[in-house]
């Protein structure tokens, strides 16, 4: 394929500008049509409609208004005055009481206490010799006291002592009876 060299003259770049008169002559007019109506006739609300003609002919139609048709008394009756004259009581009808935690079995409560992460962290701090203050001390004291109650309630107190301290049993036995035969 041979190369075609570009020339400096390339011809017209766009359409020729025509004077306004020429442009008007070329334009075609849109055919005239009847204008469409944009809404209801003016004054249609006040003019007699087809519904009025039906009412006159003896047929009853629905009221176009929405809502209750019940008449409202504009004057206060004696019964309403008596109700308004009575003193209003602002005493509470229901007594308030503190919310109670749902009771759960002691075994389940003990398991929850033994798995309490915050309590375990505080126990570690106490074992290290740190002193607890403020809310931590109150929380630690309350939970350990409840733990002791639950252990005593379930009867686990005696078993735990024997398992933890084997010398405790030796200290409780009276050796004089065995040696002296008393």
C-alpha atoms as a PDB file:
ATOM      1  CA  UNK A   1       0.000   0.000   0.000  1.00  0.00           C
ATOM      2  CA  UNK A   2       1.356   3.355  -0.929  1.00  0.00           C
ATOM      3  CA  UNK A   3       1.559   6.249   1.404  1.00  0.00           C
ATOM      4  CA  UNK A   4      -0.744   9.193   0.758  1.00  0.00           C
ATOM      5  CA  UNK A   5       0.769  12.470   1.803  1.00  0.00           C
ATOM      6  CA  UNK A   6      -1.383  14.919   3.745  1.00  0.00           C
ATOM      7  CA  UNK A   7      -2.175  18.196   2.080  1.00  0.00           C
ATOM      8  CA  UNK A   8      -2.584  21.566   3.696  1.00  0.00           C
ATOM      9  CA  UNK A   9      -5.941  22.258   2.065  1.00  0.00           C
ATOM     10  CA  UNK A  10      -8.549  19.919   3.428  1.00  0.00           C
ATOM     11  CA  UNK A  11     -11.819  21.457   2.347  1.00  0.00           C
ATOM     12  CA  UNK A  12     -14.662  22.895   4.439  1.00  0.00           C
ATOM     13  CA  UNK A  13     -14.553  21.979   8.161  1.00  0.00           C
ATOM     14  CA  UNK A  14     -18.199  22.748   8.979  1.00  0.00           C
ATOM     15  CA  UNK A  15     -21.430  24.021   7.569  1.00  0.00           C
ATOM     16  CA  UNK A  16     -21.546  27.468   6.063  1.00  0.00           C
ATOM     17  CA  UNK A  17     -23.060  30.232   8.191  1.00  0.00           C
ATOM     18  CA  UNK A  18     -26.278  31.397   6.613  1.00  0.00           C
ATOM     19  CA  UNK A  19     -27.926  34.728   7.211  1.00  0.00           C
ATOM     20  CA  UNK A  20     -31.066  34.795   9.375  1.00  0.00           C
ATOM     21  CA  UNK A  21     -33.393  35.347   6.427  1.00  0.00           C
ATOM     22  CA  UNK A  22     -32.238  32.200   4.643  1.00  0.00           C
ATOM     23  CA  UNK A  23     -32.561  30.160   7.835  1.00  0.00           C
ATOM     24  CA  UNK A  24     -36.164  31.351   8.351  1.00  0.00           C
ATOM     25  CA  UNK A  25     -37.140  30.322   4.874  1.00  0.00           C
ATOM     26  CA  UNK A  26     -35.798  26.789   5.281  1.00  0.00           C
ATOM     27  CA  UNK A  27     -37.535  26.170   8.608  1.00  0.00           C
ATOM     28  CA  UNK A  28     -40.799  24.244   8.445  1.00  0.00           C
ATOM     29  CA  UNK A  29     -43.695  25.268  10.622  1.00  0.00           C
ATOM     30  CA  UNK A  30     -45.301  22.726  12.957  1.00  0.00           C
ATOM     31  CA  UNK A  31     -48.904  22.007  12.015  1.00  0.00           C
ATOM     32  CA  UNK A  32     -51.341  23.835  14.249  1.00  0.00           C
ATOM     33  CA  UNK A  33     -53.384  21.535  16.498  1.00  0.00           C
ATOM     34  CA  UNK A  34     -56.063  22.061  19.096  1.00  0.00           C
ATOM     35  CA  UNK A  35     -54.673  22.753  22.576  1.00  0.00           C
ATOM     36  CA  UNK A  36     -55.336  19.971  25.094  1.00  0.00           C
ATOM     37  CA  UNK A  37     -57.194  20.844  28.256  1.00  0.00           C
ATOM     38  CA  UNK A  38     -54.969  20.880  31.358  1.00  0.00           C
ATOM     39  CA  UNK A  39     -57.619  20.435  34.048  1.00  0.00           C
ATOM     40  CA  UNK A  40     -61.200  20.766  35.048  1.00  0.00           C
ATOM     41  CA  UNK A  41     -63.430  23.533  33.824  1.00  0.00           C
ATOM     42  CA  UNK A  42     -63.182  26.750  35.784  1.00  0.00           C
ATOM     43  CA  UNK A  43     -65.872  27.143  38.405  1.00  0.00           C
ATOM     44  CA  UNK A  44     -66.710  23.449  38.393  1.00  0.00           C
ATOM     45  CA  UNK A  45     -66.903  23.340  42.183  1.00  0.00           C
ATOM     46  CA  UNK A  46     -69.765  25.784  42.344  1.00  0.00           C
ATOM     47  CA  UNK A  47     -71.637  24.789  39.240  1.00  0.00           C
ATOM     48  CA  UNK A  48     -74.369  22.186  39.506  1.00  0.00           C
ATOM     49  CA  UNK A  49     -72.934  18.763  38.786  1.00  0.00           C
ATOM     50  CA  UNK A  50     -74.336  15.404  37.796  1.00  0.00           C
ATOM     51  CA  UNK A  51     -74.551  14.399  41.473  1.00  0.00           C
ATOM     52  CA  UNK A  52     -76.917  17.266  42.217  1.00  0.00           C
ATOM     53  CA  UNK A  53     -79.148  16.105  39.406  1.00  0.00           C
ATOM     54  CA  UNK A  54     -79.198  12.590  40.894  1.00  0.00           C
ATOM     55  CA  UNK A  55     -80.192  13.967  44.306  1.00  0.00           C
ATOM     56  CA  UNK A  56     -83.028  15.857  42.739  1.00  0.00           C
ATOM     57  CA  UNK A  57     -84.202  12.746  40.959  1.00  0.00           C
ATOM     58  CA  UNK A  58     -84.591  10.913  44.300  1.00  0.00           C
ATOM     59  CA  UNK A  59     -81.388   8.840  44.527  1.00  0.00           C
ATOM     60  CA  UNK A  60     -79.187   9.377  47.580  1.00  0.00           C
ATOM     61  CA  UNK A  61     -75.440   9.276  47.097  1.00  0.00           C
ATOM     62  CA  UNK A  62     -72.502   9.159  49.509  1.00  0.00           C
ATOM     63  CA  UNK A  63     -71.173  12.299  51.110  1.00  0.00           C
ATOM     64  CA  UNK A  64     -67.831  13.053  49.405  1.00  0.00           C
ATOM     65  CA  UNK A  65     -66.333  14.309  52.691  1.00  0.00           C
ATOM     66  CA  UNK A  66     -64.261  11.912  54.764  1.00  0.00           C
ATOM     67  CA  UNK A  67     -64.356  11.466  58.511  1.00  0.00           C
ATOM     68  CA  UNK A  68     -66.989  11.231  61.184  1.00  0.00           C
ATOM     69  CA  UNK A  69     -70.435  12.662  60.534  1.00  0.00           C
ATOM     70  CA  UNK A  70     -71.296  12.650  64.255  1.00  0.00           C
ATOM     71  CA  UNK A  71     -72.442  16.088  65.395  1.00  0.00           C
ATOM     72  CA  UNK A  72     -70.275  17.798  68.005  1.00  0.00           C
ATOM     73  CA  UNK A  73     -71.881  19.725  70.844  1.00  0.00           C
ATOM     74  CA  UNK A  74     -70.582  23.264  71.076  1.00  0.00           C
ATOM     75  CA  UNK A  75     -71.959  23.832  74.595  1.00  0.00           C
ATOM     76  CA  UNK A  76     -70.642  22.038  77.715  1.00  0.00           C
ATOM     77  CA  UNK A  77     -73.290  19.751  79.242  1.00  0.00           C
ATOM     78  CA  UNK A  78     -74.001  19.345  82.936  1.00  0.00           C
ATOM     79  CA  UNK A  79     -72.364  15.905  83.086  1.00  0.00           C
ATOM     80  CA  UNK A  80     -69.144  17.271  81.595  1.00  0.00           C
ATOM     81  CA  UNK A  81     -69.196  20.174  84.067  1.00  0.00           C
ATOM     82  CA  UNK A  82     -69.445  17.733  86.988  1.00  0.00           C
ATOM     83  CA  UNK A  83     -66.487  15.757  85.668  1.00  0.00           C
ATOM     84  CA  UNK A  84     -64.403  18.896  85.264  1.00  0.00           C
ATOM     85  CA  UNK A  85     -65.320  20.111  88.777  1.00  0.00           C
ATOM     86  CA  UNK A  86     -64.015  16.947  90.492  1.00  0.00           C
ATOM     87  CA  UNK A  87     -60.488  17.267  91.933  1.00  0.00           C
ATOM     88  CA  UNK A  88     -57.903  15.388  89.924  1.00  0.00           C
ATOM     89  CA  UNK A  89     -55.991  12.686  91.757  1.00  0.00           C
ATOM     90  CA  UNK A  90     -52.335  12.467  90.934  1.00  0.00           C
ATOM     91  CA  UNK A  91     -51.547   9.527  93.180  1.00  0.00           C
ATOM     92  CA  UNK A  92     -49.843   6.651  91.410  1.00  0.00           C
ATOM     93  CA  UNK A  93     -52.092   3.676  90.867  1.00  0.00           C
ATOM     94  CA  UNK A  94     -49.240   1.162  90.838  1.00  0.00           C
ATOM     95  CA  UNK A  95     -46.564   0.845  93.510  1.00  0.00           C
ATOM     96  CA  UNK A  96     -42.980   0.667  92.358  1.00  0.00           C
ATOM     97  CA  UNK A  97     -40.664  -1.956  93.760  1.00  0.00           C
ATOM     98  CA  UNK A  98     -37.097  -2.942  93.112  1.00  0.00           C
ATOM     99  CA  UNK A  99     -36.566  -5.463  90.385  1.00  0.00           C
ATOM    100  CA  UNK A 100     -35.685  -8.898  91.668  1.00  0.00           C
ATOM    101  CA  UNK A 101     -33.189 -11.084  89.929  1.00  0.00           C
ATOM    102  CA  UNK A 102     -34.685 -14.362  88.813  1.00  0.00           C
ATOM    103  CA  UNK A 103     -33.750 -17.067  91.269  1.00  0.00           C
ATOM    104  CA  UNK A 104     -31.618 -19.858  89.901  1.00  0.00           C
ATOM    105  CA  UNK A 105     -30.508 -23.082  91.517  1.00  0.00           C
ATOM    106  CA  UNK A 106     -27.506 -22.730  93.874  1.00  0.00           C
ATOM    107  CA  UNK A 107     -25.405 -25.112  91.769  1.00  0.00           C
ATOM    108  CA  UNK A 108     -25.855 -22.939  88.702  1.00  0.00           C
ATOM    109  CA  UNK A 109     -25.156 -19.737  90.634  1.00  0.00           C
ATOM    110  CA  UNK A 110     -21.987 -21.279  92.098  1.00  0.00           C
ATOM    111  CA  UNK A 111     -20.815 -22.278  88.602  1.00  0.00           C
ATOM    112  CA  UNK A 112     -21.392 -18.721  87.382  1.00  0.00           C
ATOM    113  CA  UNK A 113     -19.423 -17.299  90.314  1.00  0.00           C
ATOM    114  CA  UNK A 114     -16.512 -19.666  89.731  1.00  0.00           C
ATOM    115  CA  UNK A 115     -16.382 -18.733  86.033  1.00  0.00           C
ATOM    116  CA  UNK A 116     -16.707 -14.962  86.589  1.00  0.00           C
ATOM    117  CA  UNK A 117     -13.750 -13.377  84.759  1.00  0.00           C
ATOM    118  CA  UNK A 118     -13.751 -10.135  86.756  1.00  0.00           C
ATOM    119  CA  UNK A 119     -13.745 -12.050  90.037  1.00  0.00           C
ATOM    120  CA  UNK A 120     -10.900 -14.297  88.832  1.00  0.00           C
ATOM    121  CA  UNK A 121      -8.821 -11.240  87.883  1.00  0.00           C
ATOM    122  CA  UNK A 122      -9.441  -9.696  91.321  1.00  0.00           C
ATOM    123  CA  UNK A 123      -8.468 -12.983  92.997  1.00  0.00           C
ATOM    124  CA  UNK A 124      -5.186 -12.947  91.066  1.00  0.00           C
ATOM    125  CA  UNK A 125      -4.537  -9.382  92.242  1.00  0.00           C
ATOM    126  CA  UNK A 126      -5.236 -10.349  95.866  1.00  0.00           C
ATOM    127  CA  UNK A 127      -2.928 -13.384  95.557  1.00  0.00           C
ATOM    128  CA  UNK A 128      -0.143 -11.107  94.308  1.00  0.00           C
ATOM    129  CA  UNK A 129      -0.577  -8.937  97.415  1.00  0.00           C
ATOM    130  CA  UNK A 130      -2.225  -5.942  95.805  1.00  0.00           C
ATOM    131  CA  UNK A 131      -4.822  -4.004  97.803  1.00  0.00           C
ATOM    132  CA  UNK A 132      -8.230  -3.544  96.206  1.00  0.00           C
ATOM    133  CA  UNK A 133     -10.040  -0.209  96.534  1.00  0.00           C
ATOM    134  CA  UNK A 134     -13.396   1.303  95.613  1.00  0.00           C
ATOM    135  CA  UNK A 135     -15.816  -0.630  93.467  1.00  0.00           C
ATOM    136  CA  UNK A 136     -13.387  -3.508  92.981  1.00  0.00           C
ATOM    137  CA  UNK A 137     -13.183  -4.120  96.737  1.00  0.00           C
ATOM    138  CA  UNK A 138     -16.977  -4.013  97.136  1.00  0.00           C
ATOM    139  CA  UNK A 139     -17.452  -6.368  94.197  1.00  0.00           C
ATOM    140  CA  UNK A 140     -14.787  -8.773  95.498  1.00  0.00           C
ATOM    141  CA  UNK A 141     -16.236  -8.806  99.040  1.00  0.00           C
ATOM    142  CA  UNK A 142     -19.822  -9.331  97.842  1.00  0.00           C
ATOM    143  CA  UNK A 143     -18.961 -12.160  95.467  1.00  0.00           C
ATOM    144  CA  UNK A 144     -16.674 -14.001  97.880  1.00  0.00           C
ATOM    145  CA  UNK A 145     -19.317 -13.752 100.622  1.00  0.00           C
ATOM    146  CA  UNK A 146     -21.952 -15.151  98.271  1.00  0.00           C
ATOM    147  CA  UNK A 147     -19.551 -17.917  97.220  1.00  0.00           C
ATOM    148  CA  UNK A 148     -19.046 -18.879 100.851  1.00  0.00           C
ATOM    149  CA  UNK A 149     -22.831 -18.955 101.420  1.00  0.00           C
ATOM    150  CA  UNK A 150     -23.396 -21.172  98.402  1.00  0.00           C
ATOM    151  CA  UNK A 151     -20.605 -23.564  99.383  1.00  0.00           C
ATOM    152  CA  UNK A 152     -22.034 -23.866 102.911  1.00  0.00           C
ATOM    153  CA  UNK A 153     -25.562 -24.295 101.527  1.00  0.00           C
ATOM    154  CA  UNK A 154     -24.521 -27.080  99.191  1.00  0.00           C
ATOM    155  CA  UNK A 155     -22.352 -28.801 101.812  1.00  0.00           C
ATOM    156  CA  UNK A 156     -19.202 -28.577  99.718  1.00  0.00           C
ATOM    157  CA  UNK A 157     -17.292 -26.849 102.513  1.00  0.00           C
ATOM    158  CA  UNK A 158     -16.125 -30.053 104.278  1.00  0.00           C
ATOM    159  CA  UNK A 159     -15.053 -31.851 101.114  1.00  0.00           C
ATOM    160  CA  UNK A 160     -12.998 -28.927  99.896  1.00  0.00           C
ATOM    161  CA  UNK A 161     -11.069 -28.632 103.173  1.00  0.00           C
ATOM    162  CA  UNK A 162     -10.033 -32.292 103.085  1.00  0.00           C
ATOM    163  CA  UNK A 163      -8.972 -32.065  99.467  1.00  0.00           C
ATOM    164  CA  UNK A 164      -7.002 -28.870  99.921  1.00  0.00           C
ATOM    165  CA  UNK A 165      -5.298 -29.489 103.243  1.00  0.00           C
ATOM    166  CA  UNK A 166      -4.436 -33.126 104.113  1.00  0.00           C
ATOM    167  CA  UNK A 167      -2.886 -32.029 107.431  1.00  0.00           C
ATOM    168  CA  UNK A 168      -6.162 -30.524 108.613  1.00  0.00           C
ATOM    169  CA  UNK A 169      -7.519 -34.013 109.324  1.00  0.00           C
ATOM    170  CA  UNK A 170      -4.478 -34.844 111.439  1.00  0.00           C
ATOM    171  CA  UNK A 171      -4.894 -31.651 113.444  1.00  0.00           C
ATOM    172  CA  UNK A 172      -8.539 -32.447 114.175  1.00  0.00           C
ATOM    173  CA  UNK A 173      -7.889 -35.948 115.523  1.00  0.00           C
ATOM    174  CA  UNK A 174      -7.167 -36.304 119.206  1.00  0.00           C
ATOM    175  CA  UNK A 175      -3.954 -38.412 119.493  1.00  0.00           C
ATOM    176  CA  UNK A 176      -4.185 -38.776 123.242  1.00  0.00           C
ATOM    177  CA  UNK A 177      -7.131 -41.140 122.917  1.00  0.00           C
ATOM    178  CA  UNK A 178      -5.201 -43.450 120.588  1.00  0.00           C
ATOM    179  CA  UNK A 179      -1.970 -43.495 122.628  1.00  0.00           C
ATOM    180  CA  UNK A 180      -3.421 -43.601 126.113  1.00  0.00           C
ATOM    181  CA  UNK A 181      -6.439 -45.701 125.248  1.00  0.00           C
ATOM    182  CA  UNK A 182      -8.911 -43.322 126.686  1.00  0.00           C
END
